[in-house]
N, C-alpha and C. Protein backbone atom coordinates (compact mmCIF):
# COMPACT_ATOMS: atom_id res chain seq x y z
N UNK A 1 -36.75 26.55 30.52
CA UNK A 1 -35.67 26.75 29.52
C UNK A 1 -34.76 25.49 29.40
N UNK A 2 -34.33 24.95 30.64
CA UNK A 2 -33.56 23.75 30.74
C UNK A 2 -34.20 22.56 30.06
N UNK A 3 -35.54 22.42 30.38
CA UNK A 3 -36.18 21.34 29.71
C UNK A 3 -36.21 21.43 28.21
N UNK A 4 -36.45 22.57 27.74
CA UNK A 4 -36.45 22.78 26.25
C UNK A 4 -35.09 22.40 25.64
N UNK A 5 -34.03 22.94 26.28
CA UNK A 5 -32.75 22.54 25.85
C UNK A 5 -32.44 21.13 25.97
N UNK A 6 -32.93 20.44 26.98
CA UNK A 6 -32.75 18.98 27.03
C UNK A 6 -33.50 18.28 25.90
N UNK A 7 -34.75 18.73 25.57
CA UNK A 7 -35.50 18.11 24.49
C UNK A 7 -34.75 18.34 23.16
N UNK A 8 -34.13 19.54 23.06
CA UNK A 8 -33.52 19.77 21.71
C UNK A 8 -32.35 18.90 21.49
N UNK A 9 -31.66 18.77 22.72
CA UNK A 9 -30.39 17.90 22.70
C UNK A 9 -30.71 16.54 22.38
N UNK A 10 -31.82 15.95 23.00
CA UNK A 10 -32.13 14.69 22.72
C UNK A 10 -32.63 14.49 21.33
N UNK A 11 -33.42 15.43 20.65
CA UNK A 11 -33.89 15.37 19.33
C UNK A 11 -32.63 15.42 18.33
N UNK A 12 -31.71 16.20 18.66
CA UNK A 12 -30.50 16.35 17.84
C UNK A 12 -29.82 14.96 17.79
N UNK A 13 -29.63 14.30 19.07
CA UNK A 13 -28.99 12.97 19.12
C UNK A 13 -29.79 12.03 18.37
N UNK A 14 -31.07 11.98 18.46
CA UNK A 14 -31.85 11.04 17.70
C UNK A 14 -31.71 11.22 16.14
N UNK A 15 -31.57 12.49 15.71
CA UNK A 15 -31.34 12.79 14.34
C UNK A 15 -30.02 12.19 13.88
N UNK A 16 -29.05 12.41 14.64
CA UNK A 16 -27.70 11.88 14.26
C UNK A 16 -27.66 10.39 14.24
N UNK A 17 -28.31 9.73 15.18
CA UNK A 17 -28.47 8.26 15.16
C UNK A 17 -29.16 7.78 14.03
N UNK A 18 -30.26 8.42 13.63
CA UNK A 18 -31.06 7.93 12.43
C UNK A 18 -30.18 8.23 11.19
N UNK A 19 -29.48 9.27 11.12
CA UNK A 19 -28.59 9.54 9.93
C UNK A 19 -27.65 8.41 9.85
N UNK A 20 -27.04 8.01 10.89
CA UNK A 20 -25.95 7.09 10.94
C UNK A 20 -26.58 5.72 10.50
N UNK A 21 -27.75 5.38 11.02
CA UNK A 21 -28.44 4.15 10.63
C UNK A 21 -28.73 4.15 9.13
N UNK A 22 -29.15 5.25 8.57
CA UNK A 22 -29.40 5.28 7.15
C UNK A 22 -28.14 5.17 6.30
N UNK A 23 -27.02 5.78 6.73
CA UNK A 23 -25.77 5.60 6.03
C UNK A 23 -25.30 4.16 6.08
N UNK A 24 -25.52 3.54 7.20
CA UNK A 24 -25.07 2.08 7.23
C UNK A 24 -25.93 1.31 6.29
N UNK A 25 -27.22 1.63 6.14
CA UNK A 25 -28.14 1.03 5.26
C UNK A 25 -27.68 1.23 3.81
N UNK A 26 -27.21 2.43 3.57
CA UNK A 26 -26.74 2.90 2.23
C UNK A 26 -25.46 2.01 1.88
N UNK A 27 -24.57 1.87 2.88
CA UNK A 27 -23.33 1.09 2.60
C UNK A 27 -23.71 -0.31 2.20
N UNK A 28 -24.67 -0.87 2.93
CA UNK A 28 -25.15 -2.27 2.66
C UNK A 28 -25.83 -2.31 1.35
N UNK A 29 -26.60 -1.39 0.95
CA UNK A 29 -27.22 -1.40 -0.37
C UNK A 29 -26.18 -1.24 -1.52
N UNK A 30 -25.16 -0.44 -1.24
CA UNK A 30 -24.14 -0.37 -2.25
C UNK A 30 -23.41 -1.64 -2.46
N UNK A 31 -23.14 -2.33 -1.34
CA UNK A 31 -22.43 -3.57 -1.46
C UNK A 31 -23.36 -4.72 -2.24
N UNK A 32 -24.63 -4.51 -2.06
CA UNK A 32 -25.59 -5.48 -2.55
C UNK A 32 -25.84 -5.17 -4.13
N UNK A 33 -26.18 -3.84 -4.45
CA UNK A 33 -26.68 -3.45 -5.74
C UNK A 33 -25.49 -2.88 -6.52
N UNK A 34 -24.36 -2.46 -5.94
CA UNK A 34 -23.37 -1.90 -6.79
C UNK A 34 -23.30 -0.38 -6.81
N UNK A 35 -22.44 0.24 -7.52
CA UNK A 35 -22.27 1.69 -7.44
C UNK A 35 -23.39 2.48 -8.10
N UNK A 36 -24.22 1.82 -8.91
CA UNK A 36 -25.40 2.53 -9.38
C UNK A 36 -26.66 2.41 -8.48
N UNK A 37 -26.45 2.14 -7.23
CA UNK A 37 -27.52 1.96 -6.26
C UNK A 37 -28.46 3.17 -6.35
N UNK A 38 -29.74 2.93 -6.21
CA UNK A 38 -30.73 4.01 -6.26
C UNK A 38 -31.05 4.49 -4.82
N UNK A 39 -31.72 5.59 -4.74
CA UNK A 39 -32.20 6.14 -3.35
C UNK A 39 -33.31 5.20 -2.92
N UNK A 40 -34.06 4.67 -3.82
CA UNK A 40 -35.25 3.75 -3.45
C UNK A 40 -34.58 2.38 -2.93
N UNK A 41 -33.48 1.92 -3.44
CA UNK A 41 -32.92 0.80 -2.96
C UNK A 41 -32.30 0.96 -1.50
N UNK A 42 -31.71 2.17 -1.34
CA UNK A 42 -31.13 2.49 -0.03
C UNK A 42 -32.31 2.61 1.03
N UNK A 43 -33.40 3.21 0.61
CA UNK A 43 -34.58 3.34 1.56
C UNK A 43 -35.17 1.96 1.81
N UNK A 44 -35.23 1.16 0.89
CA UNK A 44 -35.63 -0.14 1.10
C UNK A 44 -34.92 -1.04 2.00
N UNK A 45 -33.56 -0.91 1.88
CA UNK A 45 -32.58 -1.50 2.82
C UNK A 45 -32.76 -0.98 4.17
N UNK A 46 -33.10 0.27 4.29
CA UNK A 46 -33.25 0.95 5.65
C UNK A 46 -34.63 0.58 6.19
N UNK A 47 -35.50 0.08 5.34
CA UNK A 47 -36.92 -0.19 5.81
C UNK A 47 -37.91 0.93 6.01
N UNK A 48 -37.64 1.98 5.13
CA UNK A 48 -38.45 3.09 5.24
C UNK A 48 -38.79 3.62 3.82
N UNK A 49 -39.83 4.43 3.65
CA UNK A 49 -40.12 5.13 2.35
C UNK A 49 -39.04 6.10 2.05
N UNK A 50 -38.89 6.35 0.64
CA UNK A 50 -37.93 7.20 0.21
C UNK A 50 -38.12 8.68 0.81
N UNK A 51 -39.38 9.04 0.93
CA UNK A 51 -39.72 10.39 1.48
C UNK A 51 -39.17 10.46 2.88
N UNK A 52 -39.28 9.36 3.71
CA UNK A 52 -38.81 9.36 5.09
C UNK A 52 -37.23 9.55 5.24
N UNK A 53 -36.58 9.01 4.16
CA UNK A 53 -35.15 9.16 4.15
C UNK A 53 -34.81 10.63 3.99
N UNK A 54 -35.55 11.35 3.19
CA UNK A 54 -35.12 12.81 3.05
C UNK A 54 -35.60 13.66 4.19
N UNK A 55 -36.27 13.07 5.17
CA UNK A 55 -36.41 13.94 6.34
C UNK A 55 -35.22 14.08 7.21
N UNK A 56 -34.18 13.23 6.94
CA UNK A 56 -32.86 13.32 7.58
C UNK A 56 -31.79 13.74 6.69
N UNK A 57 -32.00 13.95 5.50
CA UNK A 57 -30.91 14.48 4.56
C UNK A 57 -31.57 15.46 3.68
N UNK A 58 -30.82 16.55 3.48
CA UNK A 58 -31.39 17.69 2.73
C UNK A 58 -31.74 17.34 1.28
N UNK A 59 -30.89 16.38 0.68
CA UNK A 59 -31.03 16.03 -0.75
C UNK A 59 -30.09 14.84 -0.95
N UNK A 60 -30.00 14.40 -2.20
CA UNK A 60 -29.14 13.31 -2.54
C UNK A 60 -27.70 13.57 -2.35
N UNK A 61 -27.33 14.78 -2.57
CA UNK A 61 -25.98 15.28 -2.44
C UNK A 61 -25.59 15.06 -0.89
N UNK A 62 -26.53 15.52 -0.03
CA UNK A 62 -26.11 15.45 1.43
C UNK A 62 -25.98 13.94 1.83
N UNK A 63 -26.87 13.06 1.38
CA UNK A 63 -26.68 11.62 1.64
C UNK A 63 -25.38 11.11 1.10
N UNK A 64 -25.00 11.53 -0.09
CA UNK A 64 -23.72 11.15 -0.70
C UNK A 64 -22.55 11.66 0.14
N UNK A 65 -22.62 12.82 0.62
CA UNK A 65 -21.56 13.38 1.50
C UNK A 65 -21.45 12.53 2.75
N UNK A 66 -22.57 12.12 3.37
CA UNK A 66 -22.64 11.39 4.53
C UNK A 66 -21.96 10.06 4.27
N UNK A 67 -22.19 9.42 3.17
CA UNK A 67 -21.65 8.12 2.82
C UNK A 67 -20.18 8.27 2.68
N UNK A 68 -19.67 9.25 2.03
CA UNK A 68 -18.28 9.46 1.75
C UNK A 68 -17.58 9.70 3.14
N UNK A 69 -18.21 10.45 4.02
CA UNK A 69 -17.50 10.74 5.35
C UNK A 69 -17.41 9.41 6.11
N UNK A 70 -18.54 8.47 6.04
CA UNK A 70 -18.40 7.32 6.75
C UNK A 70 -17.40 6.39 6.15
N UNK A 71 -17.21 6.34 4.82
CA UNK A 71 -16.28 5.51 4.10
C UNK A 71 -14.85 5.99 4.54
N UNK A 72 -14.59 7.35 4.74
CA UNK A 72 -13.37 7.82 5.02
C UNK A 72 -13.00 7.36 6.48
N UNK A 73 -13.97 7.37 7.34
CA UNK A 73 -13.83 6.87 8.83
C UNK A 73 -13.38 5.42 8.66
N UNK A 74 -13.93 4.56 7.79
CA UNK A 74 -13.79 3.17 7.78
C UNK A 74 -12.25 2.96 7.28
N UNK A 75 -11.86 3.71 6.20
CA UNK A 75 -10.59 3.73 5.63
C UNK A 75 -9.54 4.15 6.66
N UNK A 76 -9.82 5.22 7.31
CA UNK A 76 -8.86 5.68 8.38
C UNK A 76 -8.55 4.62 9.48
N UNK A 77 -9.64 3.86 9.78
CA UNK A 77 -9.41 2.84 10.91
C UNK A 77 -8.53 1.73 10.26
N UNK A 78 -8.87 1.35 8.92
CA UNK A 78 -8.31 0.31 8.38
C UNK A 78 -6.81 0.55 8.08
N UNK A 79 -6.38 1.81 7.87
CA UNK A 79 -5.12 2.11 7.65
C UNK A 79 -4.39 2.56 8.82
N UNK A 80 -4.64 2.02 9.92
CA UNK A 80 -4.08 2.34 11.11
C UNK A 80 -2.44 2.31 11.05
N UNK A 81 -1.94 1.32 10.30
CA UNK A 81 -0.38 1.25 10.28
C UNK A 81 0.22 2.56 9.64
N UNK A 82 -0.53 3.14 8.79
CA UNK A 82 0.00 4.41 8.27
C UNK A 82 0.04 5.60 9.17
N UNK A 83 -0.88 5.71 10.06
CA UNK A 83 -0.98 6.83 10.97
C UNK A 83 0.06 6.63 12.12
N UNK A 84 0.49 5.36 12.41
CA UNK A 84 1.51 5.13 13.42
C UNK A 84 2.49 4.20 12.81
N UNK A 85 3.40 4.59 11.80
CA UNK A 85 4.23 3.71 11.10
C UNK A 85 5.45 3.28 11.96
N UNK A 86 6.05 2.10 11.48
CA UNK A 86 7.25 1.67 12.11
C UNK A 86 7.92 0.85 11.13
N UNK A 87 9.20 0.77 11.29
CA UNK A 87 10.11 -0.10 10.41
C UNK A 87 10.71 0.65 9.41
N UNK A 88 11.18 0.12 8.33
CA UNK A 88 11.84 0.81 7.28
C UNK A 88 10.98 1.36 6.29
N UNK A 89 11.39 2.29 5.52
CA UNK A 89 10.58 2.85 4.45
C UNK A 89 9.83 1.83 3.46
N UNK A 90 10.59 0.82 3.12
CA UNK A 90 10.00 -0.32 2.33
C UNK A 90 8.97 -1.06 3.16
N UNK A 91 9.25 -1.27 4.32
CA UNK A 91 8.24 -1.97 5.13
C UNK A 91 6.94 -1.27 5.39
N UNK A 92 7.17 0.05 5.65
CA UNK A 92 5.94 0.92 5.84
C UNK A 92 5.09 1.07 4.60
N UNK A 93 5.82 1.17 3.40
CA UNK A 93 5.10 1.49 2.26
C UNK A 93 4.31 0.14 1.83
N UNK A 94 5.01 -1.03 1.95
CA UNK A 94 4.33 -2.27 1.63
C UNK A 94 3.15 -2.72 2.47
N UNK A 95 3.29 -2.30 3.67
CA UNK A 95 2.21 -2.66 4.71
C UNK A 95 1.09 -1.77 4.33
N UNK A 96 1.15 -0.46 4.10
CA UNK A 96 0.19 0.39 3.74
C UNK A 96 -0.57 0.02 2.43
N UNK A 97 0.18 -0.22 1.48
CA UNK A 97 -0.29 -0.56 0.14
C UNK A 97 -1.02 -1.71 0.23
N UNK A 98 -0.46 -2.83 0.84
CA UNK A 98 -1.11 -4.11 0.91
C UNK A 98 -2.52 -3.91 1.70
N UNK A 99 -2.47 -3.17 2.78
CA UNK A 99 -3.72 -2.97 3.56
C UNK A 99 -4.74 -2.22 2.71
N UNK A 100 -4.33 -1.27 2.04
CA UNK A 100 -5.25 -0.38 1.26
C UNK A 100 -5.91 -1.15 0.10
N UNK A 101 -5.05 -1.98 -0.57
CA UNK A 101 -5.51 -2.79 -1.68
C UNK A 101 -6.49 -3.90 -1.16
N UNK A 102 -6.20 -4.43 -0.03
CA UNK A 102 -7.07 -5.40 0.51
C UNK A 102 -8.51 -4.76 0.88
N UNK A 103 -8.45 -3.62 1.37
CA UNK A 103 -9.75 -2.90 1.57
C UNK A 103 -10.50 -2.65 0.29
N UNK A 104 -9.74 -2.25 -0.66
CA UNK A 104 -10.37 -1.84 -1.96
C UNK A 104 -11.01 -3.15 -2.65
N UNK A 105 -10.32 -4.24 -2.62
CA UNK A 105 -10.82 -5.52 -3.20
C UNK A 105 -12.13 -6.02 -2.35
N UNK A 106 -12.00 -5.66 -1.14
CA UNK A 106 -13.28 -6.09 -0.31
C UNK A 106 -14.50 -5.14 -0.50
N UNK A 107 -14.22 -3.89 -0.91
CA UNK A 107 -15.20 -2.86 -1.02
C UNK A 107 -15.21 -2.21 -2.44
N UNK A 108 -15.22 -3.09 -3.51
CA UNK A 108 -15.09 -2.66 -4.94
C UNK A 108 -16.29 -1.73 -5.26
N UNK A 109 -17.58 -2.11 -4.87
CA UNK A 109 -18.66 -1.26 -5.22
C UNK A 109 -18.58 0.09 -4.51
N UNK A 110 -18.23 0.15 -3.26
CA UNK A 110 -18.12 1.31 -2.53
C UNK A 110 -17.13 2.14 -3.20
N UNK A 111 -16.02 1.66 -3.52
CA UNK A 111 -14.83 2.35 -4.22
C UNK A 111 -15.43 3.03 -5.45
N UNK A 112 -16.15 2.23 -6.30
CA UNK A 112 -16.68 2.79 -7.52
C UNK A 112 -17.74 3.83 -7.32
N UNK A 113 -18.52 3.62 -6.30
CA UNK A 113 -19.55 4.63 -5.99
C UNK A 113 -18.94 5.88 -5.67
N UNK A 114 -17.89 5.88 -4.79
CA UNK A 114 -17.24 7.13 -4.38
C UNK A 114 -16.42 7.76 -5.54
N UNK A 115 -15.91 6.99 -6.42
CA UNK A 115 -15.17 7.58 -7.51
C UNK A 115 -16.10 8.33 -8.43
N UNK A 116 -17.39 7.91 -8.53
CA UNK A 116 -18.35 8.58 -9.45
C UNK A 116 -18.91 9.89 -8.60
N UNK A 117 -18.81 9.87 -7.31
CA UNK A 117 -19.33 11.02 -6.62
C UNK A 117 -18.39 12.23 -6.73
N UNK A 118 -18.98 13.42 -6.64
CA UNK A 118 -18.22 14.63 -6.61
C UNK A 118 -17.37 14.68 -5.41
N UNK A 119 -16.04 14.69 -5.51
CA UNK A 119 -15.19 14.82 -4.33
C UNK A 119 -15.43 16.07 -3.42
N UNK A 120 -15.32 15.95 -2.25
CA UNK A 120 -15.62 16.95 -1.23
C UNK A 120 -14.61 17.01 -0.09
N UNK A 121 -14.94 17.71 0.98
CA UNK A 121 -13.98 17.83 2.08
C UNK A 121 -13.89 16.42 2.89
N UNK A 122 -14.87 15.53 2.58
CA UNK A 122 -14.81 14.27 3.46
C UNK A 122 -14.46 13.07 2.51
N UNK A 123 -14.04 13.33 1.34
CA UNK A 123 -13.75 12.24 0.42
C UNK A 123 -12.56 11.45 0.92
N UNK A 124 -12.57 10.17 0.51
CA UNK A 124 -11.56 9.24 0.97
C UNK A 124 -10.16 9.54 0.61
N UNK A 125 -9.95 9.95 -0.68
CA UNK A 125 -8.69 10.34 -1.26
C UNK A 125 -8.03 11.46 -0.49
N UNK A 126 -9.03 12.57 -0.15
CA UNK A 126 -8.54 13.67 0.48
C UNK A 126 -8.11 13.37 1.87
N UNK A 127 -8.89 12.56 2.60
CA UNK A 127 -8.59 12.06 3.92
C UNK A 127 -7.23 11.42 4.08
N UNK A 128 -6.93 10.49 3.20
CA UNK A 128 -5.67 9.74 3.15
C UNK A 128 -4.55 10.77 2.85
N UNK A 129 -4.70 11.62 1.81
CA UNK A 129 -3.65 12.47 1.42
C UNK A 129 -3.25 13.58 2.52
N UNK A 130 -4.34 14.00 3.21
CA UNK A 130 -4.06 15.00 4.28
C UNK A 130 -3.24 14.24 5.45
N UNK A 131 -3.57 13.01 5.78
CA UNK A 131 -2.88 12.24 6.82
C UNK A 131 -1.40 12.10 6.28
N UNK A 132 -1.14 11.67 5.06
CA UNK A 132 0.15 11.53 4.50
C UNK A 132 0.90 12.68 4.59
N UNK A 133 0.20 13.85 4.21
CA UNK A 133 0.92 15.16 4.24
C UNK A 133 1.46 15.44 5.60
N UNK A 134 0.81 15.20 6.67
CA UNK A 134 1.18 15.52 7.97
C UNK A 134 2.36 14.58 8.36
N UNK A 135 2.27 13.36 7.88
CA UNK A 135 3.30 12.34 8.25
C UNK A 135 4.65 12.85 7.54
N UNK A 136 4.57 13.16 6.31
CA UNK A 136 5.71 13.52 5.56
C UNK A 136 6.34 14.82 6.03
N UNK A 137 5.36 15.73 6.45
CA UNK A 137 5.85 17.02 7.03
C UNK A 137 6.61 16.82 8.28
N UNK A 138 6.14 15.89 9.13
CA UNK A 138 6.84 15.48 10.35
C UNK A 138 8.23 15.05 10.05
N UNK A 139 8.47 14.18 9.16
CA UNK A 139 9.76 13.56 8.79
C UNK A 139 10.69 14.65 8.24
N UNK A 140 10.16 15.49 7.27
CA UNK A 140 10.98 16.56 6.76
C UNK A 140 11.46 17.51 7.84
N UNK A 141 10.54 17.82 8.73
CA UNK A 141 11.03 18.70 9.93
C UNK A 141 12.04 18.00 10.64
N UNK A 142 11.83 16.77 10.99
CA UNK A 142 12.74 15.93 11.75
C UNK A 142 14.16 15.97 11.08
N UNK A 143 14.09 15.88 9.82
CA UNK A 143 15.42 15.99 9.10
C UNK A 143 16.04 17.36 8.95
N UNK A 144 15.35 18.33 9.46
CA UNK A 144 15.75 19.70 9.46
C UNK A 144 15.57 20.37 8.06
N UNK A 145 14.55 19.88 7.45
CA UNK A 145 14.20 20.41 6.07
C UNK A 145 12.83 21.13 6.06
N UNK A 146 12.63 22.00 5.04
CA UNK A 146 11.46 22.68 4.88
C UNK A 146 10.27 21.65 4.56
N UNK A 147 9.17 21.57 5.22
CA UNK A 147 8.11 20.71 5.12
C UNK A 147 7.24 20.99 3.90
N UNK A 148 7.53 22.10 3.17
CA UNK A 148 6.61 22.53 2.06
C UNK A 148 6.37 21.40 1.03
N UNK A 149 7.30 20.59 0.58
CA UNK A 149 7.01 19.56 -0.40
C UNK A 149 6.10 18.49 0.13
N UNK A 150 5.75 18.45 1.35
CA UNK A 150 4.96 17.27 1.85
C UNK A 150 3.64 17.21 1.25
N UNK A 151 2.85 18.38 1.03
CA UNK A 151 1.46 18.38 0.54
C UNK A 151 1.43 17.85 -0.88
N UNK A 152 2.40 18.34 -1.69
CA UNK A 152 2.45 18.00 -3.17
C UNK A 152 2.65 16.49 -3.32
N UNK A 153 3.79 15.87 -2.61
CA UNK A 153 4.01 14.48 -2.76
C UNK A 153 2.94 13.56 -2.20
N UNK A 154 2.35 14.11 -1.15
CA UNK A 154 1.19 13.26 -0.50
C UNK A 154 -0.08 13.15 -1.47
N UNK A 155 -0.41 14.25 -2.06
CA UNK A 155 -1.66 14.29 -2.83
C UNK A 155 -1.23 13.58 -4.16
N UNK A 156 0.00 13.77 -4.63
CA UNK A 156 0.45 13.13 -5.88
C UNK A 156 0.55 11.66 -5.74
N UNK A 157 1.01 11.10 -4.65
CA UNK A 157 1.00 9.63 -4.37
C UNK A 157 -0.37 9.03 -4.33
N UNK A 158 -1.19 9.77 -3.72
CA UNK A 158 -2.55 9.21 -3.56
C UNK A 158 -3.31 9.16 -4.95
N UNK A 159 -3.00 10.24 -5.70
CA UNK A 159 -3.58 10.16 -7.13
C UNK A 159 -3.16 9.12 -7.86
N UNK A 160 -1.84 8.86 -7.75
CA UNK A 160 -1.23 7.80 -8.52
C UNK A 160 -1.81 6.43 -8.14
N UNK A 161 -1.90 6.08 -6.84
CA UNK A 161 -2.36 4.88 -6.33
C UNK A 161 -3.81 4.72 -6.72
N UNK A 162 -4.60 5.82 -6.63
CA UNK A 162 -5.98 5.82 -6.92
C UNK A 162 -6.19 5.37 -8.40
N UNK A 163 -5.38 6.04 -9.25
CA UNK A 163 -5.54 5.80 -10.70
C UNK A 163 -5.15 4.36 -11.06
N UNK A 164 -4.10 3.98 -10.51
CA UNK A 164 -3.50 2.58 -10.90
C UNK A 164 -4.45 1.54 -10.32
N UNK A 165 -4.92 1.64 -9.18
CA UNK A 165 -5.76 0.59 -8.62
C UNK A 165 -7.12 0.51 -9.15
N UNK A 166 -7.70 1.79 -9.61
CA UNK A 166 -8.88 1.72 -10.27
C UNK A 166 -8.79 0.98 -11.58
N UNK A 167 -7.69 1.25 -12.41
CA UNK A 167 -7.50 0.59 -13.63
C UNK A 167 -7.36 -0.97 -13.35
N UNK A 168 -6.68 -1.31 -12.38
CA UNK A 168 -6.49 -2.74 -12.05
C UNK A 168 -7.85 -3.43 -11.68
N UNK A 169 -8.63 -2.70 -10.98
CA UNK A 169 -9.90 -3.23 -10.58
C UNK A 169 -10.86 -3.44 -11.76
N UNK A 170 -10.75 -2.51 -12.75
CA UNK A 170 -11.49 -2.53 -13.93
C UNK A 170 -11.02 -3.48 -15.00
N UNK A 171 -9.76 -3.83 -14.84
CA UNK A 171 -9.09 -4.75 -15.90
C UNK A 171 -8.40 -5.78 -15.12
N UNK A 172 -8.92 -6.70 -14.37
CA UNK A 172 -8.14 -7.62 -13.58
C UNK A 172 -7.44 -8.69 -14.46
N UNK A 173 -6.50 -9.31 -13.96
CA UNK A 173 -5.82 -10.28 -14.68
C UNK A 173 -4.42 -9.97 -15.10
N UNK A 174 -4.27 -8.75 -15.42
CA UNK A 174 -2.85 -8.35 -16.00
C UNK A 174 -1.85 -8.60 -14.87
N UNK A 175 -2.12 -8.29 -13.71
CA UNK A 175 -1.23 -8.46 -12.53
C UNK A 175 -1.95 -9.13 -11.32
N UNK A 176 -1.27 -9.90 -10.58
CA UNK A 176 -1.79 -10.47 -9.39
C UNK A 176 -1.74 -9.39 -8.33
N UNK A 177 -2.58 -9.59 -7.24
CA UNK A 177 -2.54 -8.62 -6.07
C UNK A 177 -1.14 -8.41 -5.65
N UNK A 178 -0.38 -9.55 -5.54
CA UNK A 178 1.00 -9.36 -5.03
C UNK A 178 1.91 -8.59 -5.94
N UNK A 179 1.77 -8.83 -7.24
CA UNK A 179 2.52 -8.15 -8.33
C UNK A 179 2.23 -6.62 -8.33
N UNK A 180 0.87 -6.26 -8.07
CA UNK A 180 0.43 -4.92 -8.03
C UNK A 180 1.04 -4.19 -6.83
N UNK A 181 1.04 -4.89 -5.73
CA UNK A 181 1.52 -4.35 -4.43
C UNK A 181 2.91 -4.05 -4.56
N UNK A 182 3.76 -4.93 -5.22
CA UNK A 182 5.15 -4.78 -5.39
C UNK A 182 5.49 -3.64 -6.32
N UNK A 183 4.74 -3.55 -7.44
CA UNK A 183 4.85 -2.39 -8.38
C UNK A 183 4.64 -1.09 -7.82
N UNK A 184 3.47 -0.96 -7.14
CA UNK A 184 3.15 0.30 -6.49
C UNK A 184 4.11 0.65 -5.43
N UNK A 185 4.55 -0.27 -4.61
CA UNK A 185 5.43 0.10 -3.52
C UNK A 185 6.74 0.60 -4.05
N UNK A 186 7.26 -0.18 -5.08
CA UNK A 186 8.56 0.26 -5.69
C UNK A 186 8.52 1.75 -6.29
N UNK A 187 7.34 2.01 -6.97
CA UNK A 187 7.24 3.34 -7.61
C UNK A 187 7.14 4.42 -6.49
N UNK A 188 6.20 4.09 -5.46
CA UNK A 188 6.19 5.03 -4.41
C UNK A 188 7.43 5.51 -3.73
N UNK A 189 8.27 4.37 -3.48
CA UNK A 189 9.60 4.70 -2.86
C UNK A 189 10.49 5.55 -3.85
N UNK A 190 10.38 5.26 -5.10
CA UNK A 190 11.18 6.01 -6.07
C UNK A 190 10.76 7.48 -6.04
N UNK A 191 9.56 7.78 -5.94
CA UNK A 191 9.01 9.07 -5.89
C UNK A 191 9.41 9.77 -4.57
N UNK A 192 9.29 9.17 -3.47
CA UNK A 192 9.74 9.56 -2.28
C UNK A 192 11.21 9.87 -2.14
N UNK A 193 11.97 8.92 -2.69
CA UNK A 193 13.48 9.08 -2.69
C UNK A 193 13.87 10.27 -3.49
N UNK A 194 13.27 10.52 -4.66
CA UNK A 194 13.56 11.66 -5.49
C UNK A 194 13.22 12.91 -4.73
N UNK A 195 12.05 13.05 -4.01
CA UNK A 195 11.67 14.19 -3.25
C UNK A 195 12.64 14.46 -2.20
N UNK A 196 13.16 13.36 -1.45
CA UNK A 196 14.05 13.57 -0.35
C UNK A 196 15.47 14.00 -0.84
N UNK A 197 15.94 13.37 -1.95
CA UNK A 197 17.23 13.73 -2.45
C UNK A 197 17.27 15.25 -2.91
N UNK A 198 16.20 15.63 -3.37
CA UNK A 198 16.14 17.03 -3.89
C UNK A 198 16.31 17.97 -2.80
N UNK A 199 15.98 17.59 -1.47
CA UNK A 199 16.38 18.55 -0.32
C UNK A 199 17.57 18.15 0.40
N UNK A 200 18.24 17.17 -0.21
CA UNK A 200 19.54 16.78 0.47
C UNK A 200 19.46 15.69 1.56
N UNK A 201 18.41 14.78 1.45
CA UNK A 201 18.28 13.76 2.41
C UNK A 201 18.37 12.40 1.62
N UNK A 202 19.19 11.48 1.98
CA UNK A 202 19.43 10.21 1.42
C UNK A 202 19.22 9.17 2.53
N UNK A 203 18.17 8.26 2.28
CA UNK A 203 17.72 7.21 3.30
C UNK A 203 17.99 5.82 2.59
N UNK A 204 18.31 4.96 3.42
CA UNK A 204 18.37 3.41 3.10
C UNK A 204 16.95 2.93 3.23
N UNK A 205 16.24 2.48 2.09
CA UNK A 205 14.89 2.14 2.25
C UNK A 205 14.67 0.87 3.07
N UNK A 206 15.72 0.10 3.45
CA UNK A 206 15.62 -1.04 4.25
C UNK A 206 16.08 -0.89 5.69
N UNK A 207 16.34 0.36 6.06
CA UNK A 207 16.79 0.63 7.42
C UNK A 207 15.61 1.31 8.17
N UNK A 208 15.36 0.76 9.39
CA UNK A 208 14.21 1.42 10.12
C UNK A 208 14.37 2.80 10.42
N UNK A 209 13.30 3.52 10.35
CA UNK A 209 13.23 4.95 10.61
C UNK A 209 12.52 5.18 11.99
N UNK A 210 13.23 6.18 12.84
CA UNK A 210 12.44 6.51 14.04
C UNK A 210 11.11 7.35 13.73
N UNK A 211 10.18 7.31 14.60
CA UNK A 211 8.99 8.05 14.43
C UNK A 211 9.23 9.52 14.78
N UNK A 212 8.92 10.48 14.00
CA UNK A 212 9.11 11.85 14.30
C UNK A 212 8.33 12.27 15.55
N UNK A 213 8.72 13.25 16.24
CA UNK A 213 8.05 13.75 17.43
C UNK A 213 6.73 14.22 17.04
N UNK A 214 5.71 13.97 17.83
CA UNK A 214 4.42 14.51 17.62
C UNK A 214 3.58 13.51 16.79
N UNK A 215 4.10 12.40 16.21
CA UNK A 215 3.28 11.54 15.39
C UNK A 215 3.06 10.19 16.22
């Protein structure tokens, strides 16, 4: 029984490793061929036949979900300043926006691929929004306020940034990267300031904020 369990564990581990290898191959194929990459191109990049690919994924949607999950992991690592913020509100916002825009400009094909995919529990937008919601809830609680508005403002901000940056990527030239960063940062602070004032909290955007307990 122990040997059988050991073999099952090793097989499961091999399956996960192969899936990870295929997802990495898919990311490379997307970078090379663009958001309209085909399953055949992904399989070719992985060095296997298309039928072999689907021995490790139930269908195209399963592969798509795995790619989205991996992309979310990459973005989460890239946006480390957001998960452990420091400085003033303006500094925090500018750092995060600049970091996120840099990632987007370096992964334009992947961004467009994910935008066309049906969003799910592992989508990049949802991952960022849920992290932000926890961060905002922590600050509202630290200010002695109801954290209920955190979820709405977090998902609203992510939707705004997503829409604005996608438009910018599709129609470059209207604004420089620096101008876009400044515009997004200013609007985000205005939205946050409005939300905070509605619950009786006024902050100086240039004054450093302490990190809430538990974050």
